[in-house]
PDB file of N, CA and C in Angstrom:
ATOM      1  N   UNK A   1     126.148 147.396  96.127  1.00  0.00           N
ATOM      2  CA  UNK A   1     125.717 146.518  95.068  1.00  0.00           C
ATOM      3  C   UNK A   1     125.631 145.123  95.652  1.00  0.00           C
ATOM      4  N   UNK A   2     124.433 144.608  95.778  1.00  0.00           N
ATOM      5  CA  UNK A   2     124.186 143.313  96.380  1.00  0.00           C
ATOM      6  C   UNK A   2     123.736 142.354  95.291  1.00  0.00           C
ATOM      7  N   UNK A   3     124.576 141.376  94.948  1.00  0.00           N
ATOM      8  CA  UNK A   3     124.274 140.445  93.876  1.00  0.00           C
ATOM      9  C   UNK A   3     123.806 139.090  94.390  1.00  0.00           C
ATOM     10  N   UNK A   4     123.428 139.015  95.664  1.00  0.00           N
ATOM     11  CA  UNK A   4     122.969 137.751  96.223  1.00  0.00           C
ATOM     12  C   UNK A   4     121.566 137.434  95.736  1.00  0.00           C
ATOM     13  N   UNK A   5     121.305 136.144  95.536  1.00  0.00           N
ATOM     14  CA  UNK A   5     119.972 135.681  95.161  1.00  0.00           C
ATOM     15  C   UNK A   5     119.337 135.081  96.394  1.00  0.00           C
ATOM     16  N   UNK A   6     118.161 135.557  96.747  1.00  0.00           N
ATOM     17  CA  UNK A   6     117.473 135.089  97.940  1.00  0.00           C
ATOM     18  C   UNK A   6     116.957 133.680  97.741  1.00  0.00           C
ATOM     19  N   UNK A   7     117.097 132.806  98.758  1.00  0.00           N
ATOM     20  CA  UNK A   7     116.578 131.445  98.635  1.00  0.00           C
ATOM     21  C   UNK A   7     115.051 131.449  98.652  1.00  0.00           C
ATOM     22  N   UNK A   8     114.482 130.394  98.082  1.00  0.00           N
ATOM     23  CA  UNK A   8     113.027 130.269  98.044  1.00  0.00           C
ATOM     24  C   UNK A   8     112.510 129.840  99.411  1.00  0.00           C
ATOM     25  N   UNK A   9     111.403 130.405  99.813  1.00  0.00           N
ATOM     26  CA  UNK A   9     110.793 130.014 101.075  1.00  0.00           C
ATOM     27  C   UNK A   9     109.947 128.762 100.858  1.00  0.00           C
ATOM     28  N   UNK A  10     109.513 128.138 101.960  1.00  0.00           N
ATOM     29  CA  UNK A  10     108.687 126.939 101.838  1.00  0.00           C
ATOM     30  C   UNK A  10     107.328 127.278 101.215  1.00  0.00           C
ATOM     31  N   UNK A  11     106.820 128.503 101.444  1.00  0.00           N
ATOM     32  CA  UNK A  11     105.558 128.906 100.822  1.00  0.00           C
ATOM     33  C   UNK A  11     105.722 129.010  99.314  1.00  0.00           C
ATOM     34  N   UNK A  12     106.856 129.542  98.881  1.00  0.00           N
ATOM     35  CA  UNK A  12     107.098 129.666  97.441  1.00  0.00           C
ATOM     36  C   UNK A  12     107.237 128.293  96.808  1.00  0.00           C
ATOM     37  N   UNK A  13     107.877 127.357  97.510  1.00  0.00           N
ATOM     38  CA  UNK A  13     108.045 126.013  96.972  1.00  0.00           C
ATOM     39  C   UNK A  13     106.723 125.266  96.893  1.00  0.00           C
ATOM     40  N   UNK A  14     105.804 125.523  97.827  1.00  0.00           N
ATOM     41  CA  UNK A  14     104.520 124.837  97.789  1.00  0.00           C
ATOM     42  C   UNK A  14     103.670 125.304  96.617  1.00  0.00           C
ATOM     43  N   UNK A  15     103.947 126.477  96.090  1.00  0.00           N
ATOM     44  CA  UNK A  15     103.191 126.994  94.954  1.00  0.00           C
ATOM     45  C   UNK A  15     103.704 126.501  93.615  1.00  0.00           C
ATOM     46  N   UNK A  16     104.699 125.600  93.608  1.00  0.00           N
ATOM     47  CA  UNK A  16     105.262 125.129  92.356  1.00  0.00           C
ATOM     48  C   UNK A  16     104.462 124.019  91.700  1.00  0.00           C
ATOM     49  N   UNK A  17     103.355 123.632  92.257  1.00  0.00           N
ATOM     50  CA  UNK A  17     102.593 122.522  91.713  1.00  0.00           C
ATOM     51  C   UNK A  17     101.737 122.879  90.515  1.00  0.00           C
ATOM     52  N   UNK A  18     101.682 124.136  90.119  1.00  0.00           N
ATOM     53  CA  UNK A  18     100.823 124.569  89.021  1.00  0.00           C
ATOM     54  C   UNK A  18     101.380 124.178  87.668  1.00  0.00           C
ATOM     55  N   UNK A  19     100.799 124.735  86.612  1.00  0.00           N
ATOM     56  CA  UNK A  19     101.205 124.444  85.248  1.00  0.00           C
ATOM     57  C   UNK A  19     102.606 124.986  85.014  1.00  0.00           C
ATOM     58  N   UNK A  20     103.521 124.126  84.647  1.00  0.00           N
ATOM     59  CA  UNK A  20     104.916 124.467  84.351  1.00  0.00           C
ATOM     60  C   UNK A  20     105.572 125.222  85.493  1.00  0.00           C
ATOM     61  N   UNK A  21     105.144 124.960  86.731  1.00  0.00           N
ATOM     62  CA  UNK A  21     105.769 125.595  87.881  1.00  0.00           C
ATOM     63  C   UNK A  21     105.346 127.027  88.111  1.00  0.00           C
ATOM     64  N   UNK A  22     104.302 127.491  87.439  1.00  0.00           N
ATOM     65  CA  UNK A  22     103.874 128.885  87.597  1.00  0.00           C
ATOM     66  C   UNK A  22     102.613 128.949  88.434  1.00  0.00           C
ATOM     67  N   UNK A  23     102.599 129.961  89.306  1.00  0.00           N
ATOM     68  CA  UNK A  23     101.381 130.228  90.059  1.00  0.00           C
ATOM     69  C   UNK A  23     100.554 131.228  89.279  1.00  0.00           C
ATOM     70  N   UNK A  24      99.254 131.214  89.459  1.00  0.00           N
ATOM     71  CA  UNK A  24      98.429 132.211  88.787  1.00  0.00           C
ATOM     72  C   UNK A  24      98.818 133.614  89.246  1.00  0.00           C
ATOM     73  N   UNK A  25      99.017 134.497  88.289  1.00  0.00           N
ATOM     74  CA  UNK A  25      99.340 135.875  88.607  1.00  0.00           C
ATOM     75  C   UNK A  25     100.828 136.154  88.714  1.00  0.00           C
ATOM     76  N   UNK A  26     101.661 135.137  88.782  1.00  0.00           N
ATOM     77  CA  UNK A  26     103.104 135.357  88.856  1.00  0.00           C
ATOM     78  C   UNK A  26     103.641 135.400  87.436  1.00  0.00           C
ATOM     79  N   UNK A  27     104.277 136.504  87.085  1.00  0.00           N
ATOM     80  CA  UNK A  27     104.699 136.715  85.705  1.00  0.00           C
ATOM     81  C   UNK A  27     105.788 135.750  85.270  1.00  0.00           C
ATOM     82  N   UNK A  28     106.799 135.535  86.094  1.00  0.00           N
ATOM     83  CA  UNK A  28     107.915 134.710  85.659  1.00  0.00           C
ATOM     84  C   UNK A  28     108.143 133.536  86.563  1.00  0.00           C
ATOM     85  N   UNK A  29     107.125 132.904  87.034  1.00  0.00           N
ATOM     86  CA  UNK A  29     107.309 131.775  87.927  1.00  0.00           C
ATOM     87  C   UNK A  29     107.026 132.207  89.347  1.00  0.00           C
ATOM     88  N   UNK A  30     107.899 131.842  90.261  1.00  0.00           N
ATOM     89  CA  UNK A  30     107.720 132.145  91.680  1.00  0.00           C
ATOM     90  C   UNK A  30     108.152 133.587  91.928  1.00  0.00           C
ATOM     91  N   UNK A  31     107.209 134.494  92.009  1.00  0.00           N
ATOM     92  CA  UNK A  31     107.457 135.915  92.267  1.00  0.00           C
ATOM     93  C   UNK A  31     108.526 136.506  91.346  1.00  0.00           C
ATOM     94  N   UNK A  32     108.542 136.122  90.090  1.00  0.00           N
ATOM     95  CA  UNK A  32     109.514 136.652  89.143  1.00  0.00           C
ATOM     96  C   UNK A  32     110.763 135.805  89.105  1.00  0.00           C
ATOM     97  N   UNK A  33     111.176 135.252  90.220  1.00  0.00           N
ATOM     98  CA  UNK A  33     112.298 134.330  90.302  1.00  0.00           C
ATOM     99  C   UNK A  33     113.587 134.849  89.722  1.00  0.00           C
ATOM    100  N   UNK A  34     114.174 134.030  88.891  1.00  0.00           N
ATOM    101  CA  UNK A  34     115.497 134.324  88.355  1.00  0.00           C
ATOM    102  C   UNK A  34     115.508 135.589  87.510  1.00  0.00           C
ATOM    103  N   UNK A  35     114.496 135.760  86.666  1.00  0.00           N
ATOM    104  CA  UNK A  35     114.507 136.917  85.765  1.00  0.00           C
ATOM    105  C   UNK A  35     114.459 138.230  86.534  1.00  0.00           C
ATOM    106  N   UNK A  36     113.645 138.294  87.587  1.00  0.00           N
ATOM    107  CA  UNK A  36     113.566 139.523  88.376  1.00  0.00           C
ATOM    108  C   UNK A  36     114.874 139.783  89.127  1.00  0.00           C
ATOM    109  N   UNK A  37     115.476 138.724  89.673  1.00  0.00           N
ATOM    110  CA  UNK A  37     116.751 138.886  90.357  1.00  0.00           C
ATOM    111  C   UNK A  37     117.843 139.316  89.384  1.00  0.00           C
ATOM    112  N   UNK A  38     117.807 138.766  88.177  1.00  0.00           N
ATOM    113  CA  UNK A  38     118.810 139.123  87.180  1.00  0.00           C
ATOM    114  C   UNK A  38     118.638 140.572  86.735  1.00  0.00           C
ATOM    115  N   UNK A  39     117.382 140.998  86.556  1.00  0.00           N
ATOM    116  CA  UNK A  39     117.126 142.391  86.183  1.00  0.00           C
ATOM    117  C   UNK A  39     117.615 143.353  87.258  1.00  0.00           C
ATOM    118  N   UNK A  40     117.346 143.036  88.514  1.00  0.00           N
ATOM    119  CA  UNK A  40     117.784 143.923  89.595  1.00  0.00           C
ATOM    120  C   UNK A  40     119.303 143.934  89.706  1.00  0.00           C
ATOM    121  N   UNK A  41     119.942 142.797  89.446  1.00  0.00           N
ATOM    122  CA  UNK A  41     121.407 142.754  89.467  1.00  0.00           C
ATOM    123  C   UNK A  41     121.970 143.607  88.338  1.00  0.00           C
ATOM    124  N   UNK A  42     121.358 143.541  87.155  1.00  0.00           N
ATOM    125  CA  UNK A  42     121.820 144.368  86.035  1.00  0.00           C
ATOM    126  C   UNK A  42     121.642 145.855  86.329  1.00  0.00           C
ATOM    127  N   UNK A  43     120.530 146.196  86.965  1.00  0.00           N
ATOM    128  CA  UNK A  43     120.306 147.599  87.322  1.00  0.00           C
ATOM    129  C   UNK A  43     121.343 148.093  88.323  1.00  0.00           C
ATOM    130  N   UNK A  44     121.685 147.255  89.307  1.00  0.00           N
ATOM    131  CA  UNK A  44     122.664 147.682  90.304  1.00  0.00           C
ATOM    132  C   UNK A  44     124.053 147.798  89.688  1.00  0.00           C
ATOM    133  N   UNK A  45     124.395 146.926  88.735  1.00  0.00           N
ATOM    134  CA  UNK A  45     125.684 147.036  88.044  1.00  0.00           C
ATOM    135  C   UNK A  45     125.711 148.311  87.211  1.00  0.00           C
ATOM    136  N   UNK A  46     124.613 148.605  86.554  1.00  0.00           N
ATOM    137  CA  UNK A  46     124.533 149.826  85.752  1.00  0.00           C
ATOM    138  C   UNK A  46     124.663 151.072  86.634  1.00  0.00           C
ATOM    139  N   UNK A  47     124.000 151.062  87.783  1.00  0.00           N
ATOM    140  CA  UNK A  47     124.107 152.195  88.704  1.00  0.00           C
ATOM    141  C   UNK A  47     125.533 152.360  89.204  1.00  0.00           C
ATOM    142  N   UNK A  48     126.207 151.258  89.499  1.00  0.00           N
ATOM    143  CA  UNK A  48     127.597 151.328  89.970  1.00  0.00           C
ATOM    144  C   UNK A  48     128.505 151.895  88.890  1.00  0.00           C
ATOM    145  N   UNK A  49     128.278 151.507  87.638  1.00  0.00           N
ATOM    146  CA  UNK A  49     129.078 152.041  86.543  1.00  0.00           C
ATOM    147  C   UNK A  49     128.813 153.527  86.339  1.00  0.00           C
ATOM    148  N   UNK A  50     127.561 153.938  86.441  1.00  0.00           N
ATOM    149  CA  UNK A  50     127.233 155.357  86.303  1.00  0.00           C
ATOM    150  C   UNK A  50     127.855 156.188  87.422  1.00  0.00           C
ATOM    151  N   UNK A  51     127.821 155.652  88.646  1.00  0.00           N
ATOM    152  CA  UNK A  51     128.416 156.353  89.784  1.00  0.00           C
ATOM    153  C   UNK A  51     129.932 156.477  89.617  1.00  0.00           C
ATOM    154  N   UNK A  52     130.578 155.417  89.162  1.00  0.00           N
ATOM    155  CA  UNK A  52     132.022 155.459  88.937  1.00  0.00           C
ATOM    156  C   UNK A  52     132.367 156.484  87.857  1.00  0.00           C
ATOM    157  N   UNK A  53     131.567 156.525  86.818  1.00  0.00           N
ATOM    158  CA  UNK A  53     131.788 157.495  85.741  1.00  0.00           C
ATOM    159  C   UNK A  53     131.613 158.924  86.249  1.00  0.00           C
ATOM    160  N   UNK A  54     130.579 159.126  87.074  1.00  0.00           N
ATOM    161  CA  UNK A  54     130.344 160.463  87.631  1.00  0.00           C
ATOM    162  C   UNK A  54     131.509 160.905  88.518  1.00  0.00           C
ATOM    163  N   UNK A  55     132.000 159.976  89.345  1.00  0.00           N
ATOM    164  CA  UNK A  55     133.120 160.309  90.222  1.00  0.00           C
ATOM    165  C   UNK A  55     134.385 160.590  89.424  1.00  0.00           C
ATOM    166  N   UNK A  56     134.602 159.836  88.344  1.00  0.00           N
ATOM    167  CA  UNK A  56     135.770 160.090  87.487  1.00  0.00           C
ATOM    168  C   UNK A  56     135.713 161.499  86.910  1.00  0.00           C
ATOM    169  N   UNK A  57     134.538 161.888  86.449  1.00  0.00           N
ATOM    170  CA  UNK A  57     134.371 163.228  85.889  1.00  0.00           C
ATOM    171  C   UNK A  57     134.653 164.296  86.941  1.00  0.00           C
ATOM    172  N   UNK A  58     134.159 164.089  88.154  1.00  0.00           N
ATOM    173  CA  UNK A  58     134.373 165.054  89.220  1.00  0.00           C
ATOM    174  C   UNK A  58     135.856 165.178  89.589  1.00  0.00           C
ATOM    175  N   UNK A  59     136.561 164.056  89.600  1.00  0.00           N
ATOM    176  CA  UNK A  59     138.005 164.099  89.897  1.00  0.00           C
ATOM    177  C   UNK A  59     138.740 164.840  88.782  1.00  0.00           C
ATOM    178  N   UNK A  60     138.371 164.583  87.545  1.00  0.00           N
ATOM    179  CA  UNK A  60     139.018 165.241  86.416  1.00  0.00           C
ATOM    180  C   UNK A  60     138.757 166.741  86.426  1.00  0.00           C
ATOM    181  N   UNK A  61     137.578 167.141  86.920  1.00  0.00           N
ATOM    182  CA  UNK A  61     137.260 168.566  87.005  1.00  0.00           C
ATOM    183  C   UNK A  61     137.911 169.243  88.207  1.00  0.00           C
ATOM    184  N   UNK A  62     138.512 168.440  89.082  1.00  0.00           N
ATOM    185  CA  UNK A  62     139.213 168.997  90.242  1.00  0.00           C
ATOM    186  C   UNK A  62     138.309 169.298  91.421  1.00  0.00           C
ATOM    187  N   UNK A  63     137.203 168.606  91.558  1.00  0.00           N
ATOM    188  CA  UNK A  63     136.297 168.811  92.679  1.00  0.00           C
ATOM    189  C   UNK A  63     136.986 168.344  93.971  1.00  0.00           C
ATOM    190  N   UNK A  64     137.192 169.249  94.934  1.00  0.00           N
ATOM    191  CA  UNK A  64     137.896 168.860  96.161  1.00  0.00           C
ATOM    192  C   UNK A  64     137.069 167.961  97.086  1.00  0.00           C
ATOM    193  N   UNK A  65     135.768 167.858  96.867  1.00  0.00           N
ATOM    194  CA  UNK A  65     134.909 167.028  97.709  1.00  0.00           C
ATOM    195  C   UNK A  65     134.965 165.548  97.325  1.00  0.00           C
ATOM    196  N   UNK A  66     135.538 165.232  96.154  1.00  0.00           N
ATOM    197  CA  UNK A  66     135.617 163.855  95.674  1.00  0.00           C
ATOM    198  C   UNK A  66     137.072 163.408  95.734  1.00  0.00           C
ATOM    199  N   UNK A  67     137.313 162.338  96.491  1.00  0.00           N
ATOM    200  CA  UNK A  67     138.689 161.855  96.631  1.00  0.00           C
ATOM    201  C   UNK A  67     139.016 160.838  95.548  1.00  0.00           C
ATOM    202  N   UNK A  68     140.295 160.726  95.267  1.00  0.00           N
ATOM    203  CA  UNK A  68     140.755 159.759  94.289  1.00  0.00           C
ATOM    204  C   UNK A  68     140.513 158.336  94.789  1.00  0.00           C
ATOM    205  N   UNK A  69     140.676 158.129  96.102  1.00  0.00           N
ATOM    206  CA  UNK A  69     140.456 156.797  96.676  1.00  0.00           C
ATOM    207  C   UNK A  69     139.008 156.350  96.507  1.00  0.00           C
ATOM    208  N   UNK A  70     138.080 157.267  96.762  1.00  0.00           N
ATOM    209  CA  UNK A  70     136.660 156.970  96.603  1.00  0.00           C
ATOM    210  C   UNK A  70     136.348 156.613  95.148  1.00  0.00           C
ATOM    211  N   UNK A  71     136.950 157.346  94.227  1.00  0.00           N
ATOM    212  CA  UNK A  71     136.743 157.105  92.802  1.00  0.00           C
ATOM    213  C   UNK A  71     137.291 155.746  92.385  1.00  0.00           C
ATOM    214  N   UNK A  72     138.496 155.429  92.840  1.00  0.00           N
ATOM    215  CA  UNK A  72     139.103 154.144  92.489  1.00  0.00           C
ATOM    216  C   UNK A  72     138.295 152.980  93.062  1.00  0.00           C
ATOM    217  N   UNK A  73     137.790 153.138  94.267  1.00  0.00           N
ATOM    218  CA  UNK A  73     136.969 152.097  94.884  1.00  0.00           C
ATOM    219  C   UNK A  73     135.676 151.882  94.092  1.00  0.00           C
ATOM    220  N   UNK A  74     135.045 152.964  93.680  1.00  0.00           N
ATOM    221  CA  UNK A  74     133.817 152.859  92.880  1.00  0.00           C
ATOM    222  C   UNK A  74     134.100 152.189  91.536  1.00  0.00           C
ATOM    223  N   UNK A  75     135.247 152.503  90.941  1.00  0.00           N
ATOM    224  CA  UNK A  75     135.615 151.875  89.670  1.00  0.00           C
ATOM    225  C   UNK A  75     135.826 150.373  89.826  1.00  0.00           C
ATOM    226  N   UNK A  76     136.477 149.978  90.914  1.00  0.00           N
ATOM    227  CA  UNK A  76     136.715 148.551  91.154  1.00  0.00           C
ATOM    228  C   UNK A  76     135.407 147.810  91.420  1.00  0.00           C
ATOM    229  N   UNK A  77     134.509 148.429  92.196  1.00  0.00           N
ATOM    230  CA  UNK A  77     133.212 147.805  92.458  1.00  0.00           C
ATOM    231  C   UNK A  77     132.433 147.596  91.162  1.00  0.00           C
ATOM    232  N   UNK A  78     132.439 148.609  90.297  1.00  0.00           N
ATOM    233  CA  UNK A  78     131.702 148.469  89.043  1.00  0.00           C
ATOM    234  C   UNK A  78     132.351 147.433  88.135  1.00  0.00           C
ATOM    235  N   UNK A  79     133.675 147.341  88.152  1.00  0.00           N
ATOM    236  CA  UNK A  79     134.360 146.352  87.328  1.00  0.00           C
ATOM    237  C   UNK A  79     134.057 144.930  87.810  1.00  0.00           C
ATOM    238  N   UNK A  80     134.069 144.718  89.123  1.00  0.00           N
ATOM    239  CA  UNK A  80     133.765 143.396  89.679  1.00  0.00           C
ATOM    240  C   UNK A  80     132.322 143.002  89.368  1.00  0.00           C
ATOM    241  N   UNK A  81     131.407 143.948  89.508  1.00  0.00           N
ATOM    242  CA  UNK A  81     130.007 143.674  89.191  1.00  0.00           C
ATOM    243  C   UNK A  81     129.812 143.320  87.732  1.00  0.00           C
ATOM    244  N   UNK A  82     130.507 144.039  86.851  1.00  0.00           N
ATOM    245  CA  UNK A  82     130.409 143.754  85.418  1.00  0.00           C
ATOM    246  C   UNK A  82     130.967 142.373  85.106  1.00  0.00           C
ATOM    247  N   UNK A  83     132.108 142.033  85.699  1.00  0.00           N
ATOM    248  CA  UNK A  83     132.700 140.715  85.458  1.00  0.00           C
ATOM    249  C   UNK A  83     131.783 139.592  85.952  1.00  0.00           C
ATOM    250  N   UNK A  84     131.167 139.787  87.112  1.00  0.00           N
ATOM    251  CA  UNK A  84     130.245 138.776  87.635  1.00  0.00           C
ATOM    252  C   UNK A  84     129.045 138.612  86.704  1.00  0.00           C
ATOM    253  N   UNK A  85     128.519 139.712  86.214  1.00  0.00           N
ATOM    254  CA  UNK A  85     127.394 139.674  85.288  1.00  0.00           C
ATOM    255  C   UNK A  85     127.790 138.968  83.990  1.00  0.00           C
ATOM    256  N   UNK A  86     128.981 139.244  83.516  1.00  0.00           N
ATOM    257  CA  UNK A  86     129.470 138.608  82.299  1.00  0.00           C
ATOM    258  C   UNK A  86     129.608 137.099  82.481  1.00  0.00           C
ATOM    259  N   UNK A  87     130.096 136.674  83.636  1.00  0.00           N
ATOM    260  CA  UNK A  87     130.221 135.235  83.905  1.00  0.00           C
ATOM    261  C   UNK A  87     128.853 134.563  83.957  1.00  0.00           C
ATOM    262  N   UNK A  88     127.877 135.224  84.580  1.00  0.00           N
ATOM    263  CA  UNK A  88     126.523 134.658  84.633  1.00  0.00           C
ATOM    264  C   UNK A  88     125.963 134.535  83.229  1.00  0.00           C
ATOM    265  N   UNK A  89     126.141 135.557  82.423  1.00  0.00           N
ATOM    266  CA  UNK A  89     125.644 135.507  81.041  1.00  0.00           C
ATOM    267  C   UNK A  89     126.306 134.371  80.271  1.00  0.00           C
ATOM    268  N   UNK A  90     127.629 134.223  80.420  1.00  0.00           N
ATOM    269  CA  UNK A  90     128.333 133.159  79.707  1.00  0.00           C
ATOM    270  C   UNK A  90     127.852 131.780  80.132  1.00  0.00           C
ATOM    271  N   UNK A  91     127.585 131.615  81.421  1.00  0.00           N
ATOM    272  CA  UNK A  91     127.083 130.320  81.898  1.00  0.00           C
ATOM    273  C   UNK A  91     125.667 130.054  81.396  1.00  0.00           C
ATOM    274  N   UNK A  92     124.861 131.103  81.313  1.00  0.00           N
ATOM    275  CA  UNK A  92     123.504 130.929  80.785  1.00  0.00           C
ATOM    276  C   UNK A  92     123.548 130.523  79.317  1.00  0.00           C
ATOM    277  N   UNK A  93     124.412 131.150  78.533  1.00  0.00           N
ATOM    278  CA  UNK A  93     124.545 130.808  77.117  1.00  0.00           C
ATOM    279  C   UNK A  93     125.051 129.372  76.979  1.00  0.00           C
ATOM    280  N   UNK A  94     126.015 128.981  77.810  1.00  0.00           N
ATOM    281  CA  UNK A  94     126.539 127.625  77.755  1.00  0.00           C
ATOM    282  C   UNK A  94     125.457 126.605  78.126  1.00  0.00           C
ATOM    283  N   UNK A  95     124.657 126.915  79.150  1.00  0.00           N
ATOM    284  CA  UNK A  95     123.571 126.010  79.540  1.00  0.00           C
ATOM    285  C   UNK A  95     122.550 125.882  78.420  1.00  0.00           C
ATOM    286  N   UNK A  96     122.215 126.985  77.784  1.00  0.00           N
ATOM    287  CA  UNK A  96     121.277 126.957  76.658  1.00  0.00           C
ATOM    288  C   UNK A  96     121.833 126.098  75.518  1.00  0.00           C
ATOM    289  N   UNK A  97     123.114 126.277  75.211  1.00  0.00           N
ATOM    290  CA  UNK A  97     123.752 125.501  74.162  1.00  0.00           C
ATOM    291  C   UNK A  97     123.748 124.014  74.498  1.00  0.00           C
ATOM    292  N   UNK A  98     124.045 123.684  75.762  1.00  0.00           N
ATOM    293  CA  UNK A  98     124.045 122.284  76.194  1.00  0.00           C
ATOM    294  C   UNK A  98     122.655 121.663  76.043  1.00  0.00           C
ATOM    295  N   UNK A  99     121.635 122.408  76.452  1.00  0.00           N
ATOM    296  CA  UNK A  99     120.266 121.899  76.355  1.00  0.00           C
ATOM    297  C   UNK A  99     119.851 121.718  74.890  1.00  0.00           C
ATOM    298  N   UNK A 100     120.220 122.655  74.045  1.00  0.00           N
ATOM    299  CA  UNK A 100     119.858 122.548  72.632  1.00  0.00           C
ATOM    300  C   UNK A 100     120.573 121.400  71.936  1.00  0.00           C
ATOM    301  N   UNK A 101     121.740 121.012  72.434  1.00  0.00           N
ATOM    302  CA  UNK A 101     122.502 119.926  71.825  1.00  0.00           C
ATOM    303  C   UNK A 101     122.132 118.546  72.380  1.00  0.00           C
ATOM    304  N   UNK A 102     121.229 118.505  73.360  1.00  0.00           N
ATOM    305  CA  UNK A 102     120.802 117.211  73.910  1.00  0.00           C
ATOM    306  C   UNK A 102     119.954 116.470  72.898  1.00  0.00           C
ATOM    307  N   UNK A 103     120.164 115.156  72.832  1.00  0.00           N
ATOM    308  CA  UNK A 103     119.335 114.351  71.947  1.00  0.00           C
ATOM    309  C   UNK A 103     118.055 113.958  72.676  1.00  0.00           C
ATOM    310  N   UNK A 104     116.980 113.893  71.937  1.00  0.00           N
ATOM    311  CA  UNK A 104     115.682 113.604  72.552  1.00  0.00           C
ATOM    312  C   UNK A 104     115.368 112.139  72.486  1.00  0.00           C
TER     313      UNK A 104
END
């Protein structure tokens, strides 16, 4: 689960001169930008949670090919990913609230 956001290249930055920072044909700004990275991060967190759940089920069924250590590690990875996602969401909501409370 890789939650890193890739930095913008100089080519991507040069394309920011358009209307509201959007290039023609780019759905969410510069190649999707934040929204695409956030969607992929949510998908990877969801996959990690599904994998942890699957491993838990296999351990409970007594599958000898699945170790308890592997299951616990998958559970911790999914928990950390969920917490990171929750913090990002909380910061986004706080930023939105701050912007809405600004006087014009």
